Amino acid sequence: MSMLLIWDAIEADFLRDYRIDLIEQLDHMTWRHFLALLNNLSPQGAVAVRIRAELESGEHNTAMDDEAAANAFFASVASV
């Protein structure tokens, strides 16, 4: 899953969890800081919901549980 495909969920979670408007603050944030916040978004937030929905839709042919899927997603984001 590409981060760009769920960017709206990322923006919503940053605003909800941290009260950070990414449109205003992203240029002032280091990549490390962004990833630290992204990796610690709420497991009940929009990003987690999107990841679970993709897994349940059968788009992935793996038997990963939610936590493993989230870890895989965030690892792929960190490698960009």
N, C-alpha and C. Protein backbone atom coordinates (compact mmCIF):
# COMPACT_ATOMS: atom_id res chain seq x y z
N MET A 1 0.85 -1.18 0.00
CA MET A 1 0.00 0.00 0.00
C MET A 1 0.89 1.24 0.00
N SER A 2 0.63 2.11 -0.90
CA SER A 2 1.40 3.34 -1.01
C SER A 2 0.87 4.38 -0.03
N MET A 3 1.80 5.12 0.56
CA MET A 3 1.41 6.18 1.48
C MET A 3 0.53 7.21 0.78
N LEU A 4 0.76 7.44 -0.50
CA LEU A 4 -0.04 8.42 -1.24
C LEU A 4 -1.49 7.99 -1.38
N LEU A 5 -1.74 6.70 -1.43
CA LEU A 5 -3.12 6.21 -1.57
C LEU A 5 -3.95 6.46 -0.32
N ILE A 6 -3.30 6.62 0.81
CA ILE A 6 -4.04 6.86 2.06
C ILE A 6 -3.65 8.20 2.69
N TRP A 7 -3.15 9.11 1.86
CA TRP A 7 -2.68 10.39 2.40
C TRP A 7 -3.79 11.12 3.16
N ASP A 8 -5.01 11.05 2.68
CA ASP A 8 -6.11 11.72 3.38
C ASP A 8 -6.28 11.15 4.79
N ALA A 9 -6.10 9.86 4.94
CA ALA A 9 -6.20 9.23 6.27
C ALA A 9 -5.03 9.66 7.15
N ILE A 10 -3.85 9.78 6.56
CA ILE A 10 -2.68 10.23 7.33
C ILE A 10 -2.91 11.65 7.82
N GLU A 11 -3.37 12.52 6.92
CA GLU A 11 -3.65 13.91 7.33
C GLU A 11 -4.69 13.96 8.45
N ALA A 12 -5.75 13.17 8.31
CA ALA A 12 -6.81 13.17 9.31
C ALA A 12 -6.29 12.68 10.66
N ASP A 13 -5.49 11.61 10.65
CA ASP A 13 -4.96 11.08 11.91
C ASP A 13 -3.98 12.04 12.57
N PHE A 14 -3.13 12.72 11.80
CA PHE A 14 -2.21 13.69 12.38
C PHE A 14 -2.99 14.82 13.05
N LEU A 15 -4.05 15.27 12.40
CA LEU A 15 -4.86 16.33 12.98
C LEU A 15 -5.57 15.84 14.24
N ARG A 16 -6.16 14.65 14.18
CA ARG A 16 -6.90 14.11 15.30
C ARG A 16 -5.98 13.73 16.47
N ASP A 17 -4.89 13.01 16.18
CA ASP A 17 -4.03 12.51 17.25
C ASP A 17 -3.10 13.56 17.82
N TYR A 18 -2.55 14.42 16.95
CA TYR A 18 -1.51 15.35 17.40
C TYR A 18 -1.88 16.81 17.26
N ARG A 19 -3.03 17.08 16.65
CA ARG A 19 -3.44 18.45 16.34
C ARG A 19 -2.41 19.15 15.46
N ILE A 20 -1.85 18.38 14.52
CA ILE A 20 -0.88 18.90 13.56
C ILE A 20 -1.53 18.90 12.18
N ASP A 21 -1.63 20.07 11.58
CA ASP A 21 -2.14 20.20 10.22
C ASP A 21 -0.95 20.00 9.29
N LEU A 22 -0.89 18.85 8.62
CA LEU A 22 0.26 18.54 7.78
C LEU A 22 0.42 19.52 6.63
N ILE A 23 -0.67 20.09 6.14
CA ILE A 23 -0.57 21.08 5.06
C ILE A 23 0.27 22.26 5.52
N GLU A 24 0.12 22.65 6.77
CA GLU A 24 0.86 23.79 7.31
C GLU A 24 2.23 23.41 7.86
N GLN A 25 2.37 22.21 8.41
CA GLN A 25 3.57 21.87 9.17
C GLN A 25 4.56 20.94 8.49
N LEU A 26 4.17 20.27 7.42
CA LEU A 26 5.05 19.26 6.83
C LEU A 26 6.39 19.84 6.38
N ASP A 27 6.40 21.05 5.84
CA ASP A 27 7.66 21.66 5.40
C ASP A 27 8.59 22.00 6.57
N HIS A 28 8.05 22.04 7.77
CA HIS A 28 8.85 22.39 8.95
C HIS A 28 9.23 21.17 9.77
N MET A 29 8.89 20.01 9.30
CA MET A 29 9.08 18.76 10.05
C MET A 29 10.19 17.95 9.40
N THR A 30 11.06 17.38 10.21
CA THR A 30 12.08 16.50 9.65
C THR A 30 11.42 15.18 9.27
N TRP A 31 12.06 14.45 8.37
CA TRP A 31 11.57 13.13 7.96
C TRP A 31 11.51 12.20 9.16
N ARG A 32 12.54 12.24 10.02
CA ARG A 32 12.58 11.39 11.20
C ARG A 32 11.39 11.70 12.12
N HIS A 33 11.11 12.96 12.32
CA HIS A 33 9.99 13.37 13.18
C HIS A 33 8.66 12.90 12.58
N PHE A 34 8.48 13.10 11.27
CA PHE A 34 7.27 12.66 10.59
C PHE A 34 7.08 11.16 10.77
N LEU A 35 8.14 10.37 10.53
CA LEU A 35 8.03 8.91 10.65
C LEU A 35 7.74 8.48 12.09
N ALA A 36 8.36 9.16 13.06
CA ALA A 36 8.11 8.81 14.46
C ALA A 36 6.63 9.01 14.78
N LEU A 37 6.05 10.10 14.32
CA LEU A 37 4.63 10.35 14.57
C LEU A 37 3.76 9.38 13.77
N LEU A 38 4.10 9.16 12.52
CA LEU A 38 3.33 8.24 11.67
C LEU A 38 3.31 6.84 12.27
N ASN A 39 4.45 6.38 12.74
CA ASN A 39 4.55 5.03 13.30
C ASN A 39 3.80 4.87 14.62
N ASN A 40 3.38 5.97 15.22
CA ASN A 40 2.71 5.89 16.50
C ASN A 40 1.29 6.45 16.48
N LEU A 41 0.70 6.48 15.30
CA LEU A 41 -0.69 6.90 15.20
C LEU A 41 -1.58 5.89 15.91
N SER A 42 -2.74 6.33 16.30
CA SER A 42 -3.69 5.48 17.01
C SER A 42 -4.06 4.23 16.21
N PRO A 43 -4.09 3.08 16.88
CA PRO A 43 -4.52 1.86 16.19
C PRO A 43 -6.01 1.88 15.83
N GLN A 44 -6.75 2.86 16.33
CA GLN A 44 -8.16 3.00 15.97
C GLN A 44 -8.36 4.10 14.93
N GLY A 45 -7.28 4.70 14.45
CA GLY A 45 -7.37 5.82 13.53
C GLY A 45 -7.65 5.40 12.09
N ALA A 46 -7.74 6.41 11.24
CA ALA A 46 -8.08 6.20 9.83
C ALA A 46 -7.04 5.36 9.09
N VAL A 47 -5.76 5.55 9.41
CA VAL A 47 -4.72 4.77 8.74
C VAL A 47 -4.89 3.28 9.06
N ALA A 48 -5.07 2.97 10.33
CA ALA A 48 -5.25 1.57 10.73
C ALA A 48 -6.51 0.98 10.10
N VAL A 49 -7.57 1.76 10.04
CA VAL A 49 -8.82 1.29 9.42
C VAL A 49 -8.59 0.97 7.95
N ARG A 50 -7.86 1.83 7.24
CA ARG A 50 -7.57 1.58 5.83
C ARG A 50 -6.74 0.32 5.63
N ILE A 51 -5.75 0.12 6.49
CA ILE A 51 -4.90 -1.07 6.37
C ILE A 51 -5.74 -2.32 6.61
N ARG A 52 -6.58 -2.30 7.65
CA ARG A 52 -7.44 -3.46 7.92
C ARG A 52 -8.41 -3.70 6.76
N ALA A 53 -8.98 -2.63 6.19
CA ALA A 53 -9.93 -2.78 5.09
C ALA A 53 -9.25 -3.41 3.88
N GLU A 54 -8.01 -3.02 3.61
CA GLU A 54 -7.30 -3.60 2.47
C GLU A 54 -7.04 -5.08 2.72
N LEU A 55 -6.68 -5.42 3.93
CA LEU A 55 -6.44 -6.83 4.26
C LEU A 55 -7.71 -7.65 4.13
N GLU A 56 -8.82 -7.10 4.60
CA GLU A 56 -10.09 -7.82 4.56
C GLU A 56 -10.65 -7.92 3.15
N SER A 57 -10.25 -7.01 2.27
CA SER A 57 -10.77 -7.04 0.91
C SER A 57 -10.14 -8.15 0.08
N GLY A 58 -9.09 -8.74 0.61
CA GLY A 58 -8.43 -9.82 -0.10
C GLY A 58 -7.41 -9.36 -1.12
N GLU A 59 -7.10 -8.04 -1.11
CA GLU A 59 -6.10 -7.54 -2.05
C GLU A 59 -4.73 -8.10 -1.76
N HIS A 60 -4.51 -8.47 -0.52
CA HIS A 60 -3.24 -9.10 -0.14
C HIS A 60 -3.48 -10.58 0.03
N ASN A 61 -2.62 -11.38 -0.48
CA ASN A 61 -2.76 -12.82 -0.39
C ASN A 61 -1.92 -13.41 0.73
N THR A 62 -1.71 -12.63 1.76
CA THR A 62 -0.91 -13.11 2.88
C THR A 62 -1.82 -13.35 4.07
N ALA A 63 -1.33 -14.11 5.01
CA ALA A 63 -2.09 -14.39 6.23
C ALA A 63 -1.60 -13.53 7.38
N MET A 64 -1.13 -12.32 7.07
CA MET A 64 -0.62 -11.44 8.11
C MET A 64 -1.76 -10.97 9.00
N ASP A 65 -1.49 -10.86 10.29
CA ASP A 65 -2.47 -10.27 11.17
C ASP A 65 -2.36 -8.74 11.08
N ASP A 66 -3.25 -8.02 11.74
CA ASP A 66 -3.27 -6.56 11.64
C ASP A 66 -1.96 -5.93 12.06
N GLU A 67 -1.39 -6.41 13.15
CA GLU A 67 -0.15 -5.81 13.64
C GLU A 67 0.99 -6.03 12.65
N ALA A 68 1.09 -7.21 12.10
CA ALA A 68 2.14 -7.50 11.12
C ALA A 68 1.93 -6.65 9.86
N ALA A 69 0.68 -6.49 9.44
CA ALA A 69 0.38 -5.67 8.26
C ALA A 69 0.77 -4.22 8.51
N ALA A 70 0.43 -3.71 9.67
CA ALA A 70 0.79 -2.33 10.00
C ALA A 70 2.31 -2.18 10.05
N ASN A 71 3.00 -3.14 10.65
CA ASN A 71 4.46 -3.09 10.70
C ASN A 71 5.06 -3.12 9.30
N ALA A 72 4.52 -3.93 8.44
CA ALA A 72 5.01 -4.01 7.06
C ALA A 72 4.77 -2.69 6.34
N PHE A 73 3.60 -2.10 6.54
CA PHE A 73 3.30 -0.82 5.91
C PHE A 73 4.27 0.25 6.36
N PHE A 74 4.47 0.37 7.69
CA PHE A 74 5.33 1.41 8.20
C PHE A 74 6.79 1.17 7.82
N ALA A 75 7.19 -0.08 7.70
CA ALA A 75 8.56 -0.38 7.24
C ALA A 75 8.72 0.06 5.79
N SER A 76 7.69 -0.12 4.97
CA SER A 76 7.79 0.31 3.57
C SER A 76 7.84 1.83 3.48
N VAL A 77 7.14 2.52 4.36
CA VAL A 77 7.17 3.98 4.38
C VAL A 77 8.56 4.45 4.77
N ALA A 78 9.15 3.81 5.76
CA ALA A 78 10.47 4.21 6.25
C ALA A 78 11.55 3.99 5.20
N SER A 79 11.34 3.07 4.29
CA SER A 79 12.37 2.78 3.29
C SER A 79 12.29 3.69 2.08
N VAL A 80 11.29 4.57 2.03
CA VAL A 80 11.12 5.48 0.89
C VAL A 80 12.13 6.59 0.94
